[in-house]
Amino acid sequence: MRFRLVEKVPRSISDRQFFQQLAIDGVISEDDALASNSGVIPPQMLAIIESMSADQKFSAKMVVSGATVYERNNAMTIAIGAAYGLTSEQIDDLFRAAVKL
């Protein structure tokens, strides 16, 4: 019987790790990842946020443009991941890869 070791999913990653891994995975461009250092929300992500309800938009913009840490189980992480078409396992994989950067 073979066992597959599954790496633990980190509870959080830094904003740099988050945006860098999104660029590595091709979800956003490298230029958008670099611009995020200045609090600029990538255009595709901004479009997702703009489609949220009015009471969620401001909070989402504040989190994405100002967070220094992204929590894996934060509702905003889950919502934005889902809007990009990412499954829960894909979000886990993103966090596993990002924590190594």
PDB file of N, CA and C in Angstrom:
ATOM      1  N   MET A   1       0.846  -1.166   0.000  1.00  0.00           N
ATOM      2  CA  MET A   1       0.000   0.000   0.000  1.00  0.00           C
ATOM      3  C   MET A   1       0.900   1.241   0.000  1.00  0.00           C
ATOM      4  N   ARG A   2       0.605   2.161  -0.860  1.00  0.00           N
ATOM      5  CA  ARG A   2       1.374   3.413  -0.941  1.00  0.00           C
ATOM      6  C   ARG A   2       0.556   4.529  -0.338  1.00  0.00           C
ATOM      7  N   PHE A   3       1.260   5.350   0.422  1.00  0.00           N
ATOM      8  CA  PHE A   3       0.628   6.513   1.025  1.00  0.00           C
ATOM      9  C   PHE A   3       1.186   7.757   0.369  1.00  0.00           C
ATOM     10  N   ARG A   4       0.330   8.682   0.148  1.00  0.00           N
ATOM     11  CA  ARG A   4       0.747   9.968  -0.427  1.00  0.00           C
ATOM     12  C   ARG A   4       0.719  10.990   0.702  1.00  0.00           C
ATOM     13  N   LEU A   5       1.886  11.571   0.962  1.00  0.00           N
ATOM     14  CA  LEU A   5       1.945  12.614   1.972  1.00  0.00           C
ATOM     15  C   LEU A   5       1.411  13.911   1.392  1.00  0.00           C
ATOM     16  N   VAL A   6       0.498  14.498   2.078  1.00  0.00           N
ATOM     17  CA  VAL A   6      -0.078  15.758   1.641  1.00  0.00           C
ATOM     18  C   VAL A   6       0.468  16.850   2.556  1.00  0.00           C
ATOM     19  N   GLU A   7       1.064  17.846   1.932  1.00  0.00           N
ATOM     20  CA  GLU A   7       1.600  18.949   2.714  1.00  0.00           C
ATOM     21  C   GLU A   7       0.471  19.698   3.410  1.00  0.00           C
ATOM     22  N   LYS A   8       0.772  20.111   4.599  1.00  0.00           N
ATOM     23  CA  LYS A   8      -0.182  20.903   5.359  1.00  0.00           C
ATOM     24  C   LYS A   8      -0.414  22.238   4.643  1.00  0.00           C
ATOM     25  N   VAL A   9      -1.642  22.706   4.660  1.00  0.00           N
ATOM     26  CA  VAL A   9      -1.974  23.995   4.053  1.00  0.00           C
ATOM     27  C   VAL A   9      -1.665  25.082   5.077  1.00  0.00           C
ATOM     28  N   PRO A  10      -0.820  26.045   4.699  1.00  0.00           N
ATOM     29  CA  PRO A  10      -0.523  27.118   5.647  1.00  0.00           C
ATOM     30  C   PRO A  10      -1.769  27.945   5.951  1.00  0.00           C
ATOM     31  N   ARG A  11      -1.861  28.410   7.174  1.00  0.00           N
ATOM     32  CA  ARG A  11      -3.007  29.222   7.569  1.00  0.00           C
ATOM     33  C   ARG A  11      -2.958  30.596   6.931  1.00  0.00           C
ATOM     34  N   SER A  12      -1.747  31.086   6.663  1.00  0.00           N
ATOM     35  CA  SER A  12      -1.622  32.412   6.055  1.00  0.00           C
ATOM     36  C   SER A  12      -0.338  32.493   5.240  1.00  0.00           C
ATOM     37  N   ILE A  13      -0.338  33.457   4.323  1.00  0.00           N
ATOM     38  CA  ILE A  13       0.850  33.783   3.527  1.00  0.00           C
ATOM     39  C   ILE A  13       0.934  35.301   3.456  1.00  0.00           C
ATOM     40  N   SER A  14       2.108  35.808   3.132  1.00  0.00           N
ATOM     41  CA  SER A  14       2.268  37.255   3.026  1.00  0.00           C
ATOM     42  C   SER A  14       1.622  37.765   1.742  1.00  0.00           C
ATOM     43  N   ASP A  15       1.397  39.053   1.697  1.00  0.00           N
ATOM     44  CA  ASP A  15       0.828  39.639   0.477  1.00  0.00           C
ATOM     45  C   ASP A  15       1.760  39.438  -0.701  1.00  0.00           C
ATOM     46  N   ARG A  16       3.064  39.529  -0.461  1.00  0.00           N
ATOM     47  CA  ARG A  16       4.024  39.307  -1.546  1.00  0.00           C
ATOM     48  C   ARG A  16       3.918  37.885  -2.058  1.00  0.00           C
ATOM     49  N   GLN A  17       3.875  36.913  -1.169  1.00  0.00           N
ATOM     50  CA  GLN A  17       3.747  35.515  -1.580  1.00  0.00           C
ATOM     51  C   GLN A  17       2.451  35.290  -2.357  1.00  0.00           C
ATOM     52  N   PHE A  18       1.377  35.898  -1.883  1.00  0.00           N
ATOM     53  CA  PHE A  18       0.070  35.751  -2.516  1.00  0.00           C
ATOM     54  C   PHE A  18       0.106  36.227  -3.969  1.00  0.00           C
ATOM     55  N   PHE A  19       0.532  37.461  -4.177  1.00  0.00           N
ATOM     56  CA  PHE A  19       0.520  38.010  -5.531  1.00  0.00           C
ATOM     57  C   PHE A  19       1.593  37.382  -6.415  1.00  0.00           C
ATOM     58  N   GLN A  20       2.747  37.047  -5.840  1.00  0.00           N
ATOM     59  CA  GLN A  20       3.788  36.406  -6.631  1.00  0.00           C
ATOM     60  C   GLN A  20       3.320  35.039  -7.119  1.00  0.00           C
ATOM     61  N   GLN A  21       2.679  34.274  -6.254  1.00  0.00           N
ATOM     62  CA  GLN A  21       2.197  32.947  -6.665  1.00  0.00           C
ATOM     63  C   GLN A  21       1.073  33.061  -7.685  1.00  0.00           C
ATOM     64  N   LEU A  22       0.195  34.050  -7.535  1.00  0.00           N
ATOM     65  CA  LEU A  22      -0.839  34.256  -8.556  1.00  0.00           C
ATOM     66  C   LEU A  22      -0.207  34.516  -9.923  1.00  0.00           C
ATOM     67  N   ALA A  23       0.882  35.282  -9.941  1.00  0.00           N
ATOM     68  CA  ALA A  23       1.579  35.554 -11.214  1.00  0.00           C
ATOM     69  C   ALA A  23       2.255  34.288 -11.743  1.00  0.00           C
ATOM     70  N   ILE A  24       2.900  33.544 -10.864  1.00  0.00           N
ATOM     71  CA  ILE A  24       3.548  32.296 -11.285  1.00  0.00           C
ATOM     72  C   ILE A  24       2.533  31.341 -11.895  1.00  0.00           C
ATOM     73  N   ASP A  25       1.344  31.287 -11.283  1.00  0.00           N
ATOM     74  CA  ASP A  25       0.286  30.403 -11.771  1.00  0.00           C
ATOM     75  C   ASP A  25      -0.436  30.959 -12.998  1.00  0.00           C
ATOM     76  N   GLY A  26      -0.121  32.183 -13.413  1.00  0.00           N
ATOM     77  CA  GLY A  26      -0.747  32.770 -14.593  1.00  0.00           C
ATOM     78  C   GLY A  26      -2.132  33.341 -14.344  1.00  0.00           C
ATOM     79  N   VAL A  27      -2.491  33.503 -13.076  1.00  0.00           N
ATOM     80  CA  VAL A  27      -3.805  34.060 -12.752  1.00  0.00           C
ATOM     81  C   VAL A  27      -3.797  35.569 -12.981  1.00  0.00           C
ATOM     82  N   ILE A  28      -2.680  36.218 -12.641  1.00  0.00           N
ATOM     83  CA  ILE A  28      -2.480  37.644 -12.918  1.00  0.00           C
ATOM     84  C   ILE A  28      -1.131  37.792 -13.611  1.00  0.00           C
ATOM     85  N   SER A  29      -0.893  38.943 -14.195  1.00  0.00           N
ATOM     86  CA  SER A  29       0.391  39.174 -14.874  1.00  0.00           C
ATOM     87  C   SER A  29       1.476  39.531 -13.860  1.00  0.00           C
ATOM     88  N   GLU A  30       2.726  39.408 -14.274  1.00  0.00           N
ATOM     89  CA  GLU A  30       3.839  39.821 -13.424  1.00  0.00           C
ATOM     90  C   GLU A  30       3.759  41.311 -13.126  1.00  0.00           C
ATOM     91  N   ASP A  31       3.368  42.108 -14.128  1.00  0.00           N
ATOM     92  CA  ASP A  31       3.221  43.554 -13.906  1.00  0.00           C
ATOM     93  C   ASP A  31       2.161  43.849 -12.851  1.00  0.00           C
ATOM     94  N   ASP A  32       1.053  43.109 -12.881  1.00  0.00           N
ATOM     95  CA  ASP A  32       0.011  43.302 -11.881  1.00  0.00           C
ATOM     96  C   ASP A  32       0.506  42.887 -10.496  1.00  0.00           C
ATOM     97  N   ALA A  33       1.287  41.821 -10.433  1.00  0.00           N
ATOM     98  CA  ALA A  33       1.844  41.392  -9.150  1.00  0.00           C
ATOM     99  C   ALA A  33       2.778  42.467  -8.588  1.00  0.00           C
ATOM    100  N   LEU A  34       3.606  43.040  -9.437  1.00  0.00           N
ATOM    101  CA  LEU A  34       4.516  44.107  -8.990  1.00  0.00           C
ATOM    102  C   LEU A  34       3.743  45.346  -8.564  1.00  0.00           C
ATOM    103  N   ALA A  35       2.701  45.682  -9.285  1.00  0.00           N
ATOM    104  CA  ALA A  35       1.890  46.860  -8.942  1.00  0.00           C
ATOM    105  C   ALA A  35       1.179  46.680  -7.612  1.00  0.00           C
ATOM    106  N   SER A  36       0.926  45.438  -7.246  1.00  0.00           N
ATOM    107  CA  SER A  36       0.245  45.193  -5.972  1.00  0.00           C
ATOM    108  C   SER A  36       1.084  45.674  -4.794  1.00  0.00           C
ATOM    109  N   ASN A  37       2.402  45.779  -4.976  1.00  0.00           N
ATOM    110  CA  ASN A  37       3.265  46.310  -3.916  1.00  0.00           C
ATOM    111  C   ASN A  37       2.890  47.737  -3.551  1.00  0.00           C
ATOM    112  N   SER A  38       2.261  48.444  -4.467  1.00  0.00           N
ATOM    113  CA  SER A  38       1.829  49.819  -4.228  1.00  0.00           C
ATOM    114  C   SER A  38       0.344  49.886  -3.895  1.00  0.00           C
ATOM    115  N   GLY A  39      -0.263  48.747  -3.646  1.00  0.00           N
ATOM    116  CA  GLY A  39      -1.685  48.721  -3.295  1.00  0.00           C
ATOM    117  C   GLY A  39      -2.618  48.745  -4.481  1.00  0.00           C
ATOM    118  N   VAL A  40      -2.080  48.565  -5.687  1.00  0.00           N
ATOM    119  CA  VAL A  40      -2.909  48.560  -6.890  1.00  0.00           C
ATOM    120  C   VAL A  40      -3.539  47.179  -7.039  1.00  0.00           C
ATOM    121  N   ILE A  41      -4.830  47.142  -7.133  1.00  0.00           N
ATOM    122  CA  ILE A  41      -5.556  45.885  -7.288  1.00  0.00           C
ATOM    123  C   ILE A  41      -5.508  45.484  -8.765  1.00  0.00           C
ATOM    124  N   PRO A  42      -5.089  44.241  -9.061  1.00  0.00           N
ATOM    125  CA  PRO A  42      -5.062  43.796 -10.462  1.00  0.00           C
ATOM    126  C   PRO A  42      -6.440  43.959 -11.105  1.00  0.00           C
ATOM    127  N   PRO A  43      -6.474  44.388 -12.377  1.00  0.00           N
ATOM    128  CA  PRO A  43      -7.749  44.669 -13.048  1.00  0.00           C
ATOM    129  C   PRO A  43      -8.769  43.537 -12.989  1.00  0.00           C
ATOM    130  N   GLN A  44      -8.324  42.284 -13.202  1.00  0.00           N
ATOM    131  CA  GLN A  44      -9.279  41.169 -13.165  1.00  0.00           C
ATOM    132  C   GLN A  44      -9.873  41.017 -11.766  1.00  0.00           C
ATOM    133  N   MET A  45      -9.034  41.202 -10.747  1.00  0.00           N
ATOM    134  CA  MET A  45      -9.506  41.085  -9.377  1.00  0.00           C
ATOM    135  C   MET A  45     -10.443  42.238  -9.035  1.00  0.00           C
ATOM    136  N   LEU A  46     -10.128  43.423  -9.533  1.00  0.00           N
ATOM    137  CA  LEU A  46     -10.991  44.577  -9.302  1.00  0.00           C
ATOM    138  C   LEU A  46     -12.361  44.349  -9.935  1.00  0.00           C
ATOM    139  N   ALA A  47     -12.390  43.741 -11.105  1.00  0.00           N
ATOM    140  CA  ALA A  47     -13.667  43.436 -11.763  1.00  0.00           C
ATOM    141  C   ALA A  47     -14.487  42.469 -10.912  1.00  0.00           C
ATOM    142  N   ILE A  48     -13.823  41.502 -10.310  1.00  0.00           N
ATOM    143  CA  ILE A  48     -14.511  40.561  -9.419  1.00  0.00           C
ATOM    144  C   ILE A  48     -15.091  41.305  -8.227  1.00  0.00           C
ATOM    145  N   ILE A  49     -14.280  42.180  -7.641  1.00  0.00           N
ATOM    146  CA  ILE A  49     -14.731  42.948  -6.480  1.00  0.00           C
ATOM    147  C   ILE A  49     -15.895  43.859  -6.849  1.00  0.00           C
ATOM    148  N   GLU A  50     -15.822  44.482  -8.000  1.00  0.00           N
ATOM    149  CA  GLU A  50     -16.898  45.381  -8.438  1.00  0.00           C
ATOM    150  C   GLU A  50     -18.217  44.641  -8.646  1.00  0.00           C
ATOM    151  N   SER A  51     -18.154  43.333  -8.860  1.00  0.00           N
ATOM    152  CA  SER A  51     -19.381  42.561  -9.046  1.00  0.00           C
ATOM    153  C   SER A  51     -20.003  42.129  -7.715  1.00  0.00           C
ATOM    154  N   MET A  52     -19.325  42.416  -6.610  1.00  0.00           N
ATOM    155  CA  MET A  52     -19.839  42.055  -5.282  1.00  0.00           C
ATOM    156  C   MET A  52     -20.922  43.032  -4.855  1.00  0.00           C
ATOM    157  N   SER A  53     -21.626  42.644  -3.817  1.00  0.00           N
ATOM    158  CA  SER A  53     -22.657  43.540  -3.288  1.00  0.00           C
ATOM    159  C   SER A  53     -22.014  44.810  -2.740  1.00  0.00           C
ATOM    160  N   ALA A  54     -22.795  45.870  -2.692  1.00  0.00           N
ATOM    161  CA  ALA A  54     -22.284  47.176  -2.260  1.00  0.00           C
ATOM    162  C   ALA A  54     -21.635  47.113  -0.885  1.00  0.00           C
ATOM    163  N   ASP A  55     -22.193  46.340   0.024  1.00  0.00           N
ATOM    164  CA  ASP A  55     -21.636  46.280   1.377  1.00  0.00           C
ATOM    165  C   ASP A  55     -20.341  45.476   1.450  1.00  0.00           C
ATOM    166  N   GLN A  56     -20.011  44.689   0.423  1.00  0.00           N
ATOM    167  CA  GLN A  56     -18.779  43.908   0.394  1.00  0.00           C
ATOM    168  C   GLN A  56     -17.638  44.606  -0.337  1.00  0.00           C
ATOM    169  N   LYS A  57     -17.972  45.500  -1.271  1.00  0.00           N
ATOM    170  CA  LYS A  57     -16.951  46.110  -2.136  1.00  0.00           C
ATOM    171  C   LYS A  57     -15.849  46.824  -1.371  1.00  0.00           C
ATOM    172  N   PHE A  58     -16.231  47.733  -0.471  1.00  0.00           N
ATOM    173  CA  PHE A  58     -15.228  48.523   0.234  1.00  0.00           C
ATOM    174  C   PHE A  58     -14.321  47.621   1.066  1.00  0.00           C
ATOM    175  N   SER A  59     -14.936  46.684   1.782  1.00  0.00           N
ATOM    176  CA  SER A  59     -14.155  45.759   2.596  1.00  0.00           C
ATOM    177  C   SER A  59     -13.189  44.951   1.736  1.00  0.00           C
ATOM    178  N   ALA A  60     -13.671  44.454   0.613  1.00  0.00           N
ATOM    179  CA  ALA A  60     -12.823  43.670  -0.285  1.00  0.00           C
ATOM    180  C   ALA A  60     -11.672  44.505  -0.828  1.00  0.00           C
ATOM    181  N   LYS A  61     -11.956  45.729  -1.215  1.00  0.00           N
ATOM    182  CA  LYS A  61     -10.889  46.608  -1.724  1.00  0.00           C
ATOM    183  C   LYS A  61      -9.844  46.878  -0.644  1.00  0.00           C
ATOM    184  N   MET A  62     -10.291  47.096   0.587  1.00  0.00           N
ATOM    185  CA  MET A  62      -9.359  47.346   1.681  1.00  0.00           C
ATOM    186  C   MET A  62      -8.490  46.114   1.945  1.00  0.00           C
ATOM    187  N   VAL A  63      -9.099  44.951   1.927  1.00  0.00           N
ATOM    188  CA  VAL A  63      -8.344  43.725   2.171  1.00  0.00           C
ATOM    189  C   VAL A  63      -7.320  43.498   1.072  1.00  0.00           C
ATOM    190  N   VAL A  64      -7.758  43.551  -0.171  1.00  0.00           N
ATOM    191  CA  VAL A  64      -6.858  43.240  -1.283  1.00  0.00           C
ATOM    192  C   VAL A  64      -5.752  44.277  -1.436  1.00  0.00           C
ATOM    193  N   SER A  65      -6.071  45.542  -1.245  1.00  0.00           N
ATOM    194  CA  SER A  65      -5.041  46.576  -1.447  1.00  0.00           C
ATOM    195  C   SER A  65      -4.191  46.839  -0.214  1.00  0.00           C
ATOM    196  N   GLY A  66      -4.658  46.442   0.969  1.00  0.00           N
ATOM    197  CA  GLY A  66      -3.916  46.803   2.162  1.00  0.00           C
ATOM    198  C   GLY A  66      -3.482  45.673   3.077  1.00  0.00           C
ATOM    199  N   ALA A  67      -3.910  44.470   2.806  1.00  0.00           N
ATOM    200  CA  ALA A  67      -3.536  43.363   3.687  1.00  0.00           C
ATOM    201  C   ALA A  67      -2.040  43.077   3.577  1.00  0.00           C
ATOM    202  N   THR A  68      -1.446  42.744   4.696  1.00  0.00           N
ATOM    203  CA  THR A  68      -0.052  42.310   4.683  1.00  0.00           C
ATOM    204  C   THR A  68       0.032  40.795   4.811  1.00  0.00           C
ATOM    205  N   VAL A  69      -1.093  40.189   5.203  1.00  0.00           N
ATOM    206  CA  VAL A  69      -1.187  38.740   5.337  1.00  0.00           C
ATOM    207  C   VAL A  69      -2.530  38.302   4.767  1.00  0.00           C
ATOM    208  N   TYR A  70      -2.514  37.210   4.026  1.00  0.00           N
ATOM    209  CA  TYR A  70      -3.741  36.626   3.504  1.00  0.00           C
ATOM    210  C   TYR A  70      -4.001  35.321   4.240  1.00  0.00           C
ATOM    211  N   GLU A  71      -5.179  35.224   4.839  1.00  0.00           N
ATOM    212  CA  GLU A  71      -5.579  34.045   5.593  1.00  0.00           C
ATOM    213  C   GLU A  71      -6.291  33.065   4.660  1.00  0.00           C
ATOM    214  N   ARG A  72      -5.906  31.801   4.724  1.00  0.00           N
ATOM    215  CA  ARG A  72      -6.489  30.792   3.840  1.00  0.00           C
ATOM    216  C   ARG A  72      -7.998  30.674   4.023  1.00  0.00           C
ATOM    217  N   ASN A  73      -8.466  30.722   5.236  1.00  0.00           N
ATOM    218  CA  ASN A  73      -9.889  30.491   5.477  1.00  0.00           C
ATOM    219  C   ASN A  73     -10.712  31.766   5.579  1.00  0.00           C
ATOM    220  N   ASN A  74     -10.132  32.895   5.200  1.00  0.00           N
ATOM    221  CA  ASN A  74     -10.881  34.149   5.193  1.00  0.00           C
ATOM    222  C   ASN A  74     -11.953  34.079   4.108  1.00  0.00           C
ATOM    223  N   ALA A  75     -13.123  34.569   4.406  1.00  0.00           N
ATOM    224  CA  ALA A  75     -14.233  34.530   3.444  1.00  0.00           C
ATOM    225  C   ALA A  75     -13.867  35.221   2.135  1.00  0.00           C
ATOM    226  N   MET A  76     -13.080  36.285   2.204  1.00  0.00           N
ATOM    227  CA  MET A  76     -12.695  37.005   0.985  1.00  0.00           C
ATOM    228  C   MET A  76     -11.749  36.160   0.125  1.00  0.00           C
ATOM    229  N   THR A  77     -10.837  35.432   0.752  1.00  0.00           N
ATOM    230  CA  THR A  77      -9.938  34.532   0.014  1.00  0.00           C
ATOM    231  C   THR A  77     -10.759  33.494  -0.740  1.00  0.00           C
ATOM    232  N   ILE A  78     -11.719  32.925  -0.061  1.00  0.00           N
ATOM    233  CA  ILE A  78     -12.564  31.883  -0.654  1.00  0.00           C
ATOM    234  C   ILE A  78     -13.415  32.460  -1.787  1.00  0.00           C
ATOM    235  N   ALA A  79     -14.003  33.636  -1.563  1.00  0.00           N
ATOM    236  CA  ALA A  79     -14.872  34.252  -2.576  1.00  0.00           C
ATOM    237  C   ALA A  79     -14.094  34.638  -3.824  1.00  0.00           C
ATOM    238  N   ILE A  80     -12.932  35.249  -3.650  1.00  0.00           N
ATOM    239  CA  ILE A  80     -12.140  35.666  -4.817  1.00  0.00           C
ATOM    240  C   ILE A  80     -11.606  34.444  -5.545  1.00  0.00           C
ATOM    241  N   GLY A  81     -11.160  33.433  -4.804  1.00  0.00           N
ATOM    242  CA  GLY A  81     -10.706  32.202  -5.444  1.00  0.00           C
ATOM    243  C   GLY A  81     -11.802  31.570  -6.273  1.00  0.00           C
ATOM    244  N   ALA A  82     -12.996  31.502  -5.709  1.00  0.00           N
ATOM    245  CA  ALA A  82     -14.136  30.927  -6.433  1.00  0.00           C
ATOM    246  C   ALA A  82     -14.468  31.750  -7.674  1.00  0.00           C
ATOM    247  N   ALA A  83     -14.377  33.070  -7.566  1.00  0.00           N
ATOM    248  CA  ALA A  83     -14.668  33.935  -8.715  1.00  0.00           C
ATOM    249  C   ALA A  83     -13.659  33.718  -9.849  1.00  0.00           C
ATOM    250  N   TYR A  84     -12.446  33.328  -9.484  1.00  0.00           N
ATOM    251  CA  TYR A  84     -11.434  32.995 -10.493  1.00  0.00           C
ATOM    252  C   TYR A  84     -11.609  31.574 -11.016  1.00  0.00           C
ATOM    253  N   GLY A  85     -12.587  30.853 -10.460  1.00  0.00           N
ATOM    254  CA  GLY A  85     -12.831  29.486 -10.893  1.00  0.00           C
ATOM    255  C   GLY A  85     -11.951  28.466 -10.188  1.00  0.00           C
ATOM    256  N   LEU A  86     -11.310  28.862  -9.082  1.00  0.00           N
ATOM    257  CA  LEU A  86     -10.439  27.952  -8.358  1.00  0.00           C
ATOM    258  C   LEU A  86     -11.249  27.107  -7.376  1.00  0.00           C
ATOM    259  N   THR A  87     -10.940  25.837  -7.336  1.00  0.00           N
ATOM    260  CA  THR A  87     -11.557  24.952  -6.357  1.00  0.00           C
ATOM    261  C   THR A  87     -10.866  25.160  -5.009  1.00  0.00           C
ATOM    262  N   SER A  88     -11.456  24.617  -3.975  1.00  0.00           N
ATOM    263  CA  SER A  88     -10.845  24.698  -2.648  1.00  0.00           C
ATOM    264  C   SER A  88      -9.458  24.059  -2.661  1.00  0.00           C
ATOM    265  N   GLU A  89      -9.315  22.935  -3.337  1.00  0.00           N
ATOM    266  CA  GLU A  89      -8.010  22.257  -3.429  1.00  0.00           C
ATOM    267  C   GLU A  89      -6.994  23.117  -4.183  1.00  0.00           C
ATOM    268  N   GLN A  90      -7.432  23.812  -5.222  1.00  0.00           N
ATOM    269  CA  GLN A  90      -6.520  24.693  -5.955  1.00  0.00           C
ATOM    270  C   GLN A  90      -6.072  25.873  -5.089  1.00  0.00           C
ATOM    271  N   ILE A  91      -6.961  26.390  -4.275  1.00  0.00           N
ATOM    272  CA  ILE A  91      -6.578  27.468  -3.349  1.00  0.00           C
ATOM    273  C   ILE A  91      -5.580  26.919  -2.329  1.00  0.00           C
ATOM    274  N   ASP A  92      -5.828  25.721  -1.830  1.00  0.00           N
ATOM    275  CA  ASP A  92      -4.873  25.084  -0.920  1.00  0.00           C
ATOM    276  C   ASP A  92      -3.504  24.955  -1.586  1.00  0.00           C
ATOM    277  N   ASP A  93      -3.493  24.498  -2.840  1.00  0.00           N
ATOM    278  CA  ASP A  93      -2.234  24.336  -3.573  1.00  0.00           C
ATOM    279  C   ASP A  93      -1.523  25.677  -3.759  1.00  0.00           C
ATOM    280  N   LEU A  94      -2.292  26.728  -4.024  1.00  0.00           N
ATOM    281  CA  LEU A  94      -1.707  28.059  -4.163  1.00  0.00           C
ATOM    282  C   LEU A  94      -1.011  28.450  -2.857  1.00  0.00           C
ATOM    283  N   PHE A  95      -1.659  28.230  -1.731  1.00  0.00           N
ATOM    284  CA  PHE A  95      -1.068  28.567  -0.434  1.00  0.00           C
ATOM    285  C   PHE A  95       0.154  27.689  -0.140  1.00  0.00           C
ATOM    286  N   ARG A  96       0.083  26.407  -0.491  1.00  0.00           N
ATOM    287  CA  ARG A  96       1.235  25.514  -0.279  1.00  0.00           C
ATOM    288  C   ARG A  96       2.441  25.968  -1.096  1.00  0.00           C
ATOM    289  N   ALA A  97       2.198  26.363  -2.332  1.00  0.00           N
ATOM    290  CA  ALA A  97       3.306  26.808  -3.192  1.00  0.00           C
ATOM    291  C   ALA A  97       3.825  28.172  -2.738  1.00  0.00           C
ATOM    292  N   ALA A  98       2.917  29.066  -2.404  1.00  0.00           N
ATOM    293  CA  ALA A  98       3.308  30.436  -2.041  1.00  0.00           C
ATOM    294  C   ALA A  98       4.146  30.490  -0.781  1.00  0.00           C
ATOM    295  N   VAL A  99       3.865  29.634   0.167  1.00  0.00           N
ATOM    296  CA  VAL A  99       4.603  29.678   1.423  1.00  0.00           C
ATOM    297  C   VAL A  99       6.086  29.316   1.213  1.00  0.00           C
ATOM    298  N   LYS A 100       6.399  28.681   0.098  1.00  0.00           N
ATOM    299  CA  LYS A 100       7.781  28.299  -0.211  1.00  0.00           C
ATOM    300  C   LYS A 100       8.577  29.416  -0.882  1.00  0.00           C
ATOM    301  N   LEU A 101       7.891  30.477  -1.281  1.00  0.00           N
ATOM    302  CA  LEU A 101       8.577  31.569  -1.995  1.00  0.00           C
ATOM    303  C   LEU A 101       9.398  32.418  -1.047  1.00  0.00           C
TER     304      LEU A 101
END
